Amino acid sequence: MDLNNDNTKSKTDKWIKRGVIIFIVIVLFVVLIFNSFSVVSAGHTGVTVHLGKVSDKVLNEGFHFKLPFISKIITIDNRVTKTEVESNAASKDLQTITSKVAVNYRVNPSYSASIYKNVGQDFNNVIVNPAIQECVKSVAAKYNAEQLITNRPMVSVEMEKEISQKINPYGLYIEVLNIVNFEFSEEFNKAIEAKQTAQQQALKAEQDLARIKVEAQQLVEKAKAESESYQLKNQQITDKVIMMEFIEKWNGKLPTVTSGGSALFDISSIINTESIKNDNKSK
């Protein structure tokens, strides 16, 4: 009886050991299979590392085989990446400027292996952000504070050019650069406000002066026109015209008081003359 029990127990132990071995083999096989390939996501490239050595070959997105436990594939994001950098700078006229610059950039896929080998995956903090801070300060020092405000598009272009010169050798390329904000000291802001107020007042005074000149010229022209009109009327007025005006407005009664007989005679003669003319015309 004891011998049979021992044989049964021995067989059971063997089956358990075989089962454990088979399970371990299956697990190792599955692990081996999953470590034999890698998938590079869309918008990324893969960099193969063999026992710590970086391969110069860049893998495109998709399915790729690799040596399990010996090789690994590092993915590099080649999509547009945004970084915002705040920095303090001094203008040409020694005004303190606090700026915020946003840069959209990407990694050139063909440089993925090189940038991983020389910089690593944290190229944003190692390369891009320090380059932005340095170039912002360099460009700001070329302009006075007022020019940084009025020539903002030109400043932006120059910043983008200088940043590109620093990061392009690493395979990093700028897509868009935006100056989010330029802030100046409170004293400078007050000075700018006072200058704008003075310019507006000067412009208003200039406009008022121009208006006064125009109004004065209008008065001169009006007076000149009236003077010419009076002169023309004086040239046209004669004794006969005056007498005709008098006759047209006369009510037919002779004045009761006269300065002399000659005046009354002259008026009577003119009346008679005009009557004769009228009679001749009617005939």
C-alpha atoms as a PDB file:
ATOM      1  CA  MET A   1       0.000   0.000   0.000  1.00  0.00           C
ATOM      2  CA  ASP A   2       2.777   2.409   0.887  1.00  0.00           C
ATOM      3  CA  LEU A   3       4.621   1.569  -2.299  1.00  0.00           C
ATOM      4  CA  ASN A   4       1.577   2.394  -4.428  1.00  0.00           C
ATOM      5  CA  ASN A   5       1.057   5.706  -2.648  1.00  0.00           C
ATOM      6  CA  ASP A   6       4.662   6.659  -3.184  1.00  0.00           C
ATOM      7  CA  ASN A   7       4.424   5.908  -6.908  1.00  0.00           C
ATOM      8  CA  THR A   8       1.257   7.937  -7.222  1.00  0.00           C
ATOM      9  CA  LYS A   9       2.777  10.883  -5.373  1.00  0.00           C
ATOM     10  CA  SER A  10       5.918  10.688  -7.483  1.00  0.00           C
ATOM     11  CA  LYS A  11       3.897  10.764 -10.702  1.00  0.00           C
ATOM     12  CA  THR A  12       1.869  13.715  -9.430  1.00  0.00           C
ATOM     13  CA  ASP A  13       5.039  15.649  -8.582  1.00  0.00           C
ATOM     14  CA  LYS A  14       6.456  14.980 -12.050  1.00  0.00           C
ATOM     15  CA  TRP A  15       3.283  16.251 -13.729  1.00  0.00           C
ATOM     16  CA  ILE A  16       3.345  19.376 -11.573  1.00  0.00           C
ATOM     17  CA  LYS A  17       6.974  20.023 -12.466  1.00  0.00           C
ATOM     18  CA  ARG A  18       6.254  19.465 -16.150  1.00  0.00           C
ATOM     19  CA  GLY A  19       3.267  21.797 -15.943  1.00  0.00           C
ATOM     20  CA  VAL A  20       5.368  24.500 -14.288  1.00  0.00           C
ATOM     21  CA  ILE A  21       8.090  24.095 -16.874  1.00  0.00           C
ATOM     22  CA  ILE A  22       5.585  24.243 -19.728  1.00  0.00           C
ATOM     23  CA  PHE A  23       3.971  27.357 -18.250  1.00  0.00           C
ATOM     24  CA  ILE A  24       7.357  29.061 -17.868  1.00  0.00           C
ATOM     25  CA  VAL A  25       8.266  28.167 -21.436  1.00  0.00           C
ATOM     26  CA  ILE A  26       4.965  29.548 -22.730  1.00  0.00           C
ATOM     27  CA  VAL A  27       5.431  32.758 -20.745  1.00  0.00           C
ATOM     28  CA  LEU A  28       8.987  33.134 -22.021  1.00  0.00           C
ATOM     29  CA  PHE A  29       7.786  32.489 -25.550  1.00  0.00           C
ATOM     30  CA  VAL A  30       5.075  35.092 -25.290  1.00  0.00           C
ATOM     31  CA  VAL A  31       7.542  37.615 -23.828  1.00  0.00           C
ATOM     32  CA  LEU A  32       9.988  36.757 -26.574  1.00  0.00           C
ATOM     33  CA  ILE A  33       7.345  37.286 -29.229  1.00  0.00           C
ATOM     34  CA  PHE A  34       6.231  40.650 -27.827  1.00  0.00           C
ATOM     35  CA  ASN A  35       9.866  41.786 -27.614  1.00  0.00           C
ATOM     36  CA  SER A  36      10.531  40.857 -31.186  1.00  0.00           C
ATOM     37  CA  PHE A  37       8.589  43.710 -32.740  1.00  0.00           C
ATOM     38  CA  SER A  38       7.575  47.303 -32.095  1.00  0.00           C
ATOM     39  CA  VAL A  39       4.969  49.677 -33.529  1.00  0.00           C
ATOM     40  CA  VAL A  40       5.861  53.271 -34.364  1.00  0.00           C
ATOM     41  CA  SER A  41       2.802  55.511 -34.020  1.00  0.00           C
ATOM     42  CA  ALA A  42       1.604  58.001 -36.647  1.00  0.00           C
ATOM     43  CA  GLY A  43       3.510  61.268 -36.582  1.00  0.00           C
ATOM     44  CA  HIS A  44       6.553  59.579 -34.999  1.00  0.00           C
ATOM     45  CA  THR A  45       9.766  57.972 -36.139  1.00  0.00           C
ATOM     46  CA  GLY A  46      11.723  55.143 -34.535  1.00  0.00           C
ATOM     47  CA  VAL A  47      15.366  55.016 -33.513  1.00  0.00           C
ATOM     48  CA  THR A  48      16.892  51.552 -33.034  1.00  0.00           C
ATOM     49  CA  VAL A  49      19.338  51.048 -30.162  1.00  0.00           C
ATOM     50  CA  HIS A  50      21.462  47.851 -30.155  1.00  0.00           C
ATOM     51  CA  LEU A  51      22.993  47.234 -26.713  1.00  0.00           C
ATOM     52  CA  GLY A  52      23.256  50.988 -26.165  1.00  0.00           C
ATOM     53  CA  LYS A  53      24.505  51.850 -29.653  1.00  0.00           C
ATOM     54  CA  VAL A  54      22.239  54.140 -31.693  1.00  0.00           C
ATOM     55  CA  SER A  55      21.611  53.093 -35.261  1.00  0.00           C
ATOM     56  CA  ASP A  56      21.695  55.823 -37.904  1.00  0.00           C
ATOM     57  CA  LYS A  57      18.706  54.261 -39.634  1.00  0.00           C
ATOM     58  CA  VAL A  58      15.414  55.983 -38.890  1.00  0.00           C
ATOM     59  CA  LEU A  59      12.275  53.845 -38.823  1.00  0.00           C
ATOM     60  CA  ASN A  60       9.058  55.246 -40.253  1.00  0.00           C
ATOM     61  CA  GLU A  61       5.674  54.788 -38.635  1.00  0.00           C
ATOM     62  CA  GLY A  62       4.292  51.260 -38.663  1.00  0.00           C
ATOM     63  CA  PHE A  63       5.274  47.690 -37.613  1.00  0.00           C
ATOM     64  CA  HIS A  64       8.972  46.789 -37.203  1.00  0.00           C
ATOM     65  CA  PHE A  65      10.893  43.655 -36.026  1.00  0.00           C
ATOM     66  CA  LYS A  66      13.784  43.861 -33.589  1.00  0.00           C
ATOM     67  CA  LEU A  67      16.080  41.518 -31.668  1.00  0.00           C
ATOM     68  CA  PRO A  68      14.393  40.723 -28.356  1.00  0.00           C
ATOM     69  CA  PHE A  69      16.199  41.857 -25.207  1.00  0.00           C
ATOM     70  CA  ILE A  70      19.088  43.148 -27.316  1.00  0.00           C
ATOM     71  CA  SER A  71      17.507  45.939 -29.347  1.00  0.00           C
ATOM     72  CA  LYS A  72      14.918  48.519 -28.484  1.00  0.00           C
ATOM     73  CA  ILE A  73      13.151  51.118 -30.567  1.00  0.00           C
ATOM     74  CA  ILE A  74      12.869  54.686 -29.209  1.00  0.00           C
ATOM     75  CA  THR A  75      10.071  56.796 -30.694  1.00  0.00           C
ATOM     76  CA  ILE A  76      10.633  60.452 -31.530  1.00  0.00           C
ATOM     77  CA  ASP A  77       7.638  62.780 -31.867  1.00  0.00           C
ATOM     78  CA  ASN A  78       7.800  64.577 -35.229  1.00  0.00           C
ATOM     79  CA  ARG A  79       4.493  66.392 -34.871  1.00  0.00           C
ATOM     80  CA  VAL A  80       4.266  70.144 -34.326  1.00  0.00           C
ATOM     81  CA  THR A  81       5.172  70.929 -30.732  1.00  0.00           C
ATOM     82  CA  LYS A  82       4.366  74.166 -28.935  1.00  0.00           C
ATOM     83  CA  THR A  83       6.517  75.779 -26.278  1.00  0.00           C
ATOM     84  CA  GLU A  84       6.025  79.106 -24.481  1.00  0.00           C
ATOM     85  CA  VAL A  85       8.949  80.941 -22.914  1.00  0.00           C
ATOM     86  CA  GLU A  86       8.818  83.944 -20.608  1.00  0.00           C
ATOM     87  CA  SER A  87      11.959  86.019 -20.283  1.00  0.00           C
ATOM     88  CA  ASN A  88      13.242  89.389 -19.099  1.00  0.00           C
ATOM     89  CA  ALA A  89      15.281  91.553 -21.424  1.00  0.00           C
ATOM     90  CA  ALA A  90      16.634  95.098 -21.726  1.00  0.00           C
ATOM     91  CA  SER A  91      15.895  97.334 -24.700  1.00  0.00           C
ATOM     92  CA  LYS A  92      18.402  99.572 -26.443  1.00  0.00           C
ATOM     93  CA  ASP A  93      17.350 102.483 -24.230  1.00  0.00           C
ATOM     94  CA  LEU A  94      17.739 100.257 -21.119  1.00  0.00           C
ATOM     95  CA  GLN A  95      14.038  99.726 -20.493  1.00  0.00           C
ATOM     96  CA  THR A  96      13.161  96.479 -18.703  1.00  0.00           C
ATOM     97  CA  ILE A  97      10.936  94.254 -20.846  1.00  0.00           C
ATOM     98  CA  THR A  98       9.051  91.153 -19.791  1.00  0.00           C
ATOM     99  CA  SER A  99       8.144  89.095 -22.828  1.00  0.00           C
ATOM    100  CA  LYS A 100       6.272  85.891 -23.601  1.00  0.00           C
ATOM    101  CA  VAL A 101       7.067  84.124 -26.859  1.00  0.00           C
ATOM    102  CA  ALA A 102       5.250  81.067 -28.241  1.00  0.00           C
ATOM    103  CA  VAL A 103       7.056  78.877 -30.767  1.00  0.00           C
ATOM    104  CA  ASN A 104       5.574  76.009 -32.767  1.00  0.00           C
ATOM    105  CA  TYR A 105       8.327  73.716 -34.070  1.00  0.00           C
ATOM    106  CA  ARG A 106       8.897  70.150 -35.234  1.00  0.00           C
ATOM    107  CA  VAL A 107      11.700  67.597 -35.489  1.00  0.00           C
ATOM    108  CA  ASN A 108      12.818  66.769 -39.011  1.00  0.00           C
ATOM    109  CA  PRO A 109      12.246  62.981 -39.335  1.00  0.00           C
ATOM    110  CA  SER A 110      15.623  62.453 -40.995  1.00  0.00           C
ATOM    111  CA  TYR A 111      17.323  63.955 -37.913  1.00  0.00           C
ATOM    112  CA  SER A 112      15.529  61.743 -35.372  1.00  0.00           C
ATOM    113  CA  ALA A 113      18.485  59.381 -34.799  1.00  0.00           C
ATOM    114  CA  SER A 114      20.971  62.242 -34.672  1.00  0.00           C
ATOM    115  CA  ILE A 115      19.013  64.323 -32.174  1.00  0.00           C
ATOM    116  CA  TYR A 116      18.390  61.311 -29.933  1.00  0.00           C
ATOM    117  CA  LYS A 117      22.082  60.400 -30.046  1.00  0.00           C
ATOM    118  CA  ASN A 118      23.373  63.919 -29.348  1.00  0.00           C
ATOM    119  CA  VAL A 119      20.605  65.493 -27.278  1.00  0.00           C
ATOM    120  CA  GLY A 120      18.116  62.884 -26.149  1.00  0.00           C
ATOM    121  CA  GLN A 121      14.355  63.156 -25.984  1.00  0.00           C
ATOM    122  CA  ASP A 122      14.250  66.277 -23.810  1.00  0.00           C
ATOM    123  CA  PHE A 123      15.408  68.557 -26.644  1.00  0.00           C
ATOM    124  CA  ASN A 124      12.692  71.099 -25.772  1.00  0.00           C
ATOM    125  CA  ASN A 125      14.360  72.058 -22.478  1.00  0.00           C
ATOM    126  CA  VAL A 126      17.910  71.348 -23.637  1.00  0.00           C
ATOM    127  CA  ILE A 127      17.900  73.164 -27.000  1.00  0.00           C
ATOM    128  CA  VAL A 128      14.722  75.091 -27.840  1.00  0.00           C
ATOM    129  CA  ASN A 129      13.825  77.039 -24.695  1.00  0.00           C
ATOM    130  CA  PRO A 130      17.378  78.321 -23.990  1.00  0.00           C
ATOM    131  CA  ALA A 131      17.718  79.387 -27.636  1.00  0.00           C
ATOM    132  CA  ILE A 132      14.452  81.339 -27.434  1.00  0.00           C
ATOM    133  CA  GLN A 133      15.499  83.146 -24.256  1.00  0.00           C
ATOM    134  CA  GLU A 134      18.887  84.100 -25.664  1.00  0.00           C
ATOM    135  CA  CYS A 135      17.541  85.319 -29.006  1.00  0.00           C
ATOM    136  CA  VAL A 136      14.743  87.353 -27.403  1.00  0.00           C
ATOM    137  CA  LYS A 137      17.315  89.220 -25.322  1.00  0.00           C
ATOM    138  CA  SER A 138      19.616  89.664 -28.307  1.00  0.00           C
ATOM    139  CA  VAL A 139      16.920  91.107 -30.569  1.00  0.00           C
ATOM    140  CA  ALA A 140      15.371  93.300 -27.848  1.00  0.00           C
ATOM    141  CA  ALA A 141      18.755  94.967 -27.284  1.00  0.00           C
ATOM    142  CA  LYS A 142      18.739  96.209 -30.903  1.00  0.00           C
ATOM    143  CA  TYR A 143      15.578  98.304 -30.503  1.00  0.00           C
ATOM    144  CA  ASN A 144      14.410 100.924 -28.069  1.00  0.00           C
ATOM    145  CA  ALA A 145      11.206 100.262 -26.158  1.00  0.00           C
ATOM    146  CA  GLU A 146       9.012 102.327 -28.463  1.00  0.00           C
ATOM    147  CA  GLN A 147      10.358 100.549 -31.566  1.00  0.00           C
ATOM    148  CA  LEU A 148       9.593  97.174 -30.005  1.00  0.00           C
ATOM    149  CA  ILE A 149       5.948  98.264 -29.905  1.00  0.00           C
ATOM    150  CA  THR A 150       5.674  99.966 -33.295  1.00  0.00           C
ATOM    151  CA  ASN A 151       7.877  97.492 -35.211  1.00  0.00           C
ATOM    152  CA  ARG A 152       6.523  94.320 -33.642  1.00  0.00           C
ATOM    153  CA  PRO A 153       6.179  92.338 -36.915  1.00  0.00           C
ATOM    154  CA  MET A 154       9.788  93.137 -37.830  1.00  0.00           C
ATOM    155  CA  VAL A 155      10.963  92.142 -34.333  1.00  0.00           C
ATOM    156  CA  SER A 156       9.073  88.859 -34.615  1.00  0.00           C
ATOM    157  CA  VAL A 157      10.696  88.033 -37.961  1.00  0.00           C
ATOM    158  CA  GLU A 158      14.160  88.783 -36.625  1.00  0.00           C
ATOM    159  CA  MET A 159      13.586  86.632 -33.537  1.00  0.00           C
ATOM    160  CA  GLU A 160      12.438  83.722 -35.686  1.00  0.00           C
ATOM    161  CA  LYS A 161      15.520  84.083 -37.890  1.00  0.00           C
ATOM    162  CA  GLU A 162      17.963  84.047 -34.971  1.00  0.00           C
ATOM    163  CA  ILE A 163      16.238  81.143 -33.194  1.00  0.00           C
ATOM    164  CA  SER A 164      16.231  79.141 -36.435  1.00  0.00           C
ATOM    165  CA  GLN A 165      19.977  79.651 -36.848  1.00  0.00           C
ATOM    166  CA  LYS A 166      20.526  78.093 -33.417  1.00  0.00           C
ATOM    167  CA  ILE A 167      18.185  75.099 -33.564  1.00  0.00           C
ATOM    168  CA  ASN A 168      18.242  74.147 -37.264  1.00  0.00           C
ATOM    169  CA  PRO A 169      21.614  72.333 -37.019  1.00  0.00           C
ATOM    170  CA  TYR A 170      19.935  69.889 -34.607  1.00  0.00           C
ATOM    171  CA  GLY A 171      17.132  69.154 -37.060  1.00  0.00           C
ATOM    172  CA  LEU A 172      14.570  71.380 -35.330  1.00  0.00           C
ATOM    173  CA  TYR A 173      12.526  73.708 -37.523  1.00  0.00           C
ATOM    174  CA  ILE A 174      10.193  76.544 -36.554  1.00  0.00           C
ATOM    175  CA  GLU A 175       6.687  76.476 -37.992  1.00  0.00           C
ATOM    176  CA  VAL A 176       5.247  79.610 -36.333  1.00  0.00           C
ATOM    177  CA  LEU A 177       6.595  82.184 -33.875  1.00  0.00           C
ATOM    178  CA  ASN A 178       4.267  84.542 -32.016  1.00  0.00           C
ATOM    179  CA  ILE A 179       5.124  87.297 -29.582  1.00  0.00           C
ATOM    180  CA  VAL A 180       2.345  86.754 -27.088  1.00  0.00           C
ATOM    181  CA  ASN A 181       3.128  89.744 -24.922  1.00  0.00           C
ATOM    182  CA  PHE A 182       5.525  92.628 -24.318  1.00  0.00           C
ATOM    183  CA  GLU A 183       5.261  94.248 -20.885  1.00  0.00           C
ATOM    184  CA  PHE A 184       7.132  97.357 -19.790  1.00  0.00           C
ATOM    185  CA  SER A 185       7.708  99.081 -16.482  1.00  0.00           C
ATOM    186  CA  GLU A 186       4.944 101.233 -14.997  1.00  0.00           C
ATOM    187  CA  GLU A 187       7.058 104.382 -15.430  1.00  0.00           C
ATOM    188  CA  PHE A 188       7.510 103.698 -19.128  1.00  0.00           C
ATOM    189  CA  ASN A 189       3.802 103.039 -19.617  1.00  0.00           C
ATOM    190  CA  LYS A 190       2.999 106.361 -17.963  1.00  0.00           C
ATOM    191  CA  ALA A 191       5.534 108.125 -20.176  1.00  0.00           C
ATOM    192  CA  ILE A 192       3.996 106.575 -23.306  1.00  0.00           C
ATOM    193  CA  GLU A 193       0.527 107.613 -22.180  1.00  0.00           C
ATOM    194  CA  ALA A 194       1.683 111.190 -21.532  1.00  0.00           C
ATOM    195  CA  LYS A 195       3.341 111.322 -24.957  1.00  0.00           C
ATOM    196  CA  GLN A 196       0.206 110.089 -26.675  1.00  0.00           C
ATOM    197  CA  THR A 197      -1.882 112.671 -24.823  1.00  0.00           C
ATOM    198  CA  ALA A 198       0.511 115.449 -25.851  1.00  0.00           C
ATOM    199  CA  GLN A 199       0.428 114.319 -29.483  1.00  0.00           C
ATOM    200  CA  GLN A 200      -3.363 114.262 -29.485  1.00  0.00           C
ATOM    201  CA  GLN A 201      -3.494 117.738 -27.994  1.00  0.00           C
ATOM    202  CA  ALA A 202      -0.986 119.018 -30.545  1.00  0.00           C
ATOM    203  CA  LEU A 203      -3.003 117.458 -33.355  1.00  0.00           C
ATOM    204  CA  LYS A 204      -6.191 119.047 -32.045  1.00  0.00           C
ATOM    205  CA  ALA A 205      -4.483 122.451 -31.821  1.00  0.00           C
ATOM    206  CA  GLU A 206      -3.205 122.049 -35.369  1.00  0.00           C
ATOM    207  CA  GLN A 207      -6.670 121.159 -36.616  1.00  0.00           C
ATOM    208  CA  ASP A 208      -8.190 124.123 -34.747  1.00  0.00           C
ATOM    209  CA  LEU A 209      -5.604 126.459 -36.309  1.00  0.00           C
ATOM    210  CA  ALA A 210      -6.361 125.118 -39.768  1.00  0.00           C
ATOM    211  CA  ARG A 211     -10.085 125.587 -39.160  1.00  0.00           C
ATOM    212  CA  ILE A 212      -9.546 129.190 -37.989  1.00  0.00           C
ATOM    213  CA  LYS A 213      -7.450 129.942 -41.072  1.00  0.00           C
ATOM    214  CA  VAL A 214     -10.152 128.538 -43.348  1.00  0.00           C
ATOM    215  CA  GLU A 215     -12.879 130.527 -41.594  1.00  0.00           C
ATOM    216  CA  ALA A 216     -10.767 133.728 -41.785  1.00  0.00           C
ATOM    217  CA  GLN A 217     -10.140 133.150 -45.478  1.00  0.00           C
ATOM    218  CA  GLN A 218     -13.858 132.667 -46.013  1.00  0.00           C
ATOM    219  CA  LEU A 219     -14.565 135.992 -44.300  1.00  0.00           C
ATOM    220  CA  VAL A 220     -11.934 137.704 -46.455  1.00  0.00           C
ATOM    221  CA  GLU A 221     -13.398 136.248 -49.627  1.00  0.00           C
ATOM    222  CA  LYS A 222     -16.907 137.227 -48.528  1.00  0.00           C
ATOM    223  CA  ALA A 223     -15.814 140.806 -47.782  1.00  0.00           C
ATOM    224  CA  LYS A 224     -13.966 140.981 -51.071  1.00  0.00           C
ATOM    225  CA  ALA A 225     -17.040 139.784 -52.955  1.00  0.00           C
ATOM    226  CA  GLU A 226     -19.257 142.320 -51.196  1.00  0.00           C
ATOM    227  CA  SER A 227     -16.768 145.099 -51.950  1.00  0.00           C
ATOM    228  CA  GLU A 228     -16.663 144.197 -55.631  1.00  0.00           C
ATOM    229  CA  SER A 229     -20.444 144.066 -55.691  1.00  0.00           C
ATOM    230  CA  TYR A 230     -20.710 147.544 -54.187  1.00  0.00           C
ATOM    231  CA  GLN A 231     -18.150 148.884 -56.641  1.00  0.00           C
ATOM    232  CA  LEU A 232     -20.073 147.407 -59.543  1.00  0.00           C
ATOM    233  CA  LYS A 233     -23.316 148.934 -58.300  1.00  0.00           C
ATOM    234  CA  ASN A 234     -21.646 152.345 -57.857  1.00  0.00           C
ATOM    235  CA  GLN A 235     -20.366 152.179 -61.420  1.00  0.00           C
ATOM    236  CA  GLN A 236     -23.842 151.405 -62.716  1.00  0.00           C
ATOM    237  CA  ILE A 237     -25.668 154.128 -60.719  1.00  0.00           C
ATOM    238  CA  THR A 238     -26.082 157.466 -62.621  1.00  0.00           C
ATOM    239  CA  ASP A 239     -28.278 160.535 -62.095  1.00  0.00           C
ATOM    240  CA  LYS A 240     -30.707 159.232 -64.681  1.00  0.00           C
ATOM    241  CA  VAL A 241     -30.972 155.839 -62.968  1.00  0.00           C
ATOM    242  CA  ILE A 242     -31.617 157.524 -59.665  1.00  0.00           C
ATOM    243  CA  MET A 243     -34.295 159.697 -61.244  1.00  0.00           C
ATOM    244  CA  MET A 244     -35.929 156.661 -62.862  1.00  0.00           C
ATOM    245  CA  GLU A 245     -36.007 154.918 -59.510  1.00  0.00           C
ATOM    246  CA  PHE A 246     -37.564 158.040 -58.032  1.00  0.00           C
ATOM    247  CA  ILE A 247     -40.201 158.199 -60.768  1.00  0.00           C
ATOM    248  CA  GLU A 248     -41.105 154.519 -60.371  1.00  0.00           C
ATOM    249  CA  LYS A 249     -41.677 155.000 -56.673  1.00  0.00           C
ATOM    250  CA  TRP A 250     -43.334 158.521 -57.008  1.00  0.00           C
ATOM    251  CA  ASN A 251     -46.999 158.661 -56.042  1.00  0.00           C
ATOM    252  CA  GLY A 252     -47.827 161.470 -58.540  1.00  0.00           C
ATOM    253  CA  LYS A 253     -47.846 164.337 -56.048  1.00  0.00           C
ATOM    254  CA  LEU A 254     -45.366 167.181 -56.279  1.00  0.00           C
ATOM    255  CA  PRO A 255     -43.545 168.058 -53.115  1.00  0.00           C
ATOM    256  CA  THR A 256     -45.045 170.956 -51.217  1.00  0.00           C
ATOM    257  CA  VAL A 257     -41.656 172.303 -50.177  1.00  0.00           C
ATOM    258  CA  THR A 258     -38.848 172.688 -52.618  1.00  0.00           C
ATOM    259  CA  SER A 259     -35.392 174.141 -52.403  1.00  0.00           C
ATOM    260  CA  GLY A 260     -35.869 176.049 -55.651  1.00  0.00           C
ATOM    261  CA  GLY A 261     -37.806 176.203 -58.831  1.00  0.00           C
ATOM    262  CA  SER A 262     -35.079 174.613 -60.917  1.00  0.00           C
ATOM    263  CA  ALA A 263     -35.406 171.230 -59.224  1.00  0.00           C
ATOM    264  CA  LEU A 264     -39.154 171.163 -59.735  1.00  0.00           C
ATOM    265  CA  PHE A 265     -38.667 172.219 -63.324  1.00  0.00           C
ATOM    266  CA  ASP A 266     -36.172 169.498 -63.955  1.00  0.00           C
ATOM    267  CA  ILE A 267     -38.447 166.871 -62.526  1.00  0.00           C
ATOM    268  CA  SER A 268     -41.395 168.178 -64.554  1.00  0.00           C
ATOM    269  CA  SER A 269     -39.333 168.213 -67.734  1.00  0.00           C
ATOM    270  CA  ILE A 270     -38.213 164.636 -67.150  1.00  0.00           C
ATOM    271  CA  ILE A 271     -41.811 163.613 -66.508  1.00  0.00           C
ATOM    272  CA  ASN A 272     -42.956 165.331 -69.678  1.00  0.00           C
ATOM    273  CA  THR A 273     -40.145 163.768 -71.654  1.00  0.00           C
ATOM    274  CA  GLU A 274     -40.959 160.291 -70.405  1.00  0.00           C
ATOM    275  CA  SER A 275     -44.650 160.894 -71.152  1.00  0.00           C
ATOM    276  CA  ILE A 276     -43.842 161.897 -74.731  1.00  0.00           C
ATOM    277  CA  LYS A 277     -41.703 158.764 -75.138  1.00  0.00           C
ATOM    278  CA  ASN A 278     -44.447 156.564 -73.831  1.00  0.00           C
ATOM    279  CA  ASP A 279     -46.981 158.195 -76.156  1.00  0.00           C
ATOM    280  CA  ASN A 280     -44.718 157.694 -79.157  1.00  0.00           C
ATOM    281  CA  LYS A 281     -44.239 154.033 -78.240  1.00  0.00           C
ATOM    282  CA  SER A 282     -47.991 153.518 -77.914  1.00  0.00           C
ATOM    283  CA  LYS A 283     -48.552 155.080 -81.361  1.00  0.00           C
END
